[in-house]
């Protein structure tokens, strides 16, 4: 395994270095004023921006890498984002790949989507993987590496039964409806 942290000769993915003044104060909007519900966030790395949406209607807010990491082809690494969240009960944070990085460079998330439970208070980390078969990928500090989507989730209890009600579908799954 050739995981490299710090300096690298692998090509960077075209992201400019992070500037000190680039900060956002809201998960909900690009501007500083928002009518969205706030989510409590603890910034563990004060030099990185808070998660932020590129556009007002975007579902996902970008997450940033706290470190320089180079992923060889097929390699994966757990990358820190420098934030911790306090999600409201009845919500979940889902960590999704960034579509441009996936399409252009083969960078994705091993357990996509990653799940952040409402009672988790640790640092958000992203398990990245390089799906490119030939080219290493350089992750740089301050680079947008994933998206955080927060949504409501139904919290349920489970009740064991002796049998389930019948449906037309029944137990059909995994291709049971054919390809056409």
Foldseek 3Di string as FASTA:
>chain_A
DDKDWDDDPFDAPPDDDQDQPDAEDAQQAPDNDDPDDGWDKDQQDNREYDFHDPHNPDQWTFFFFQTKIKAFAFGKDKTFRRMWTQADPQKKKWKFFDVVCCVPFVKTFPPHGDIHHNPDGDTDITIITGNDRGGMYIGHGRDGGIIIGMDGDDDDDDDDDPDDDDDPCRPDDDQNVHDD
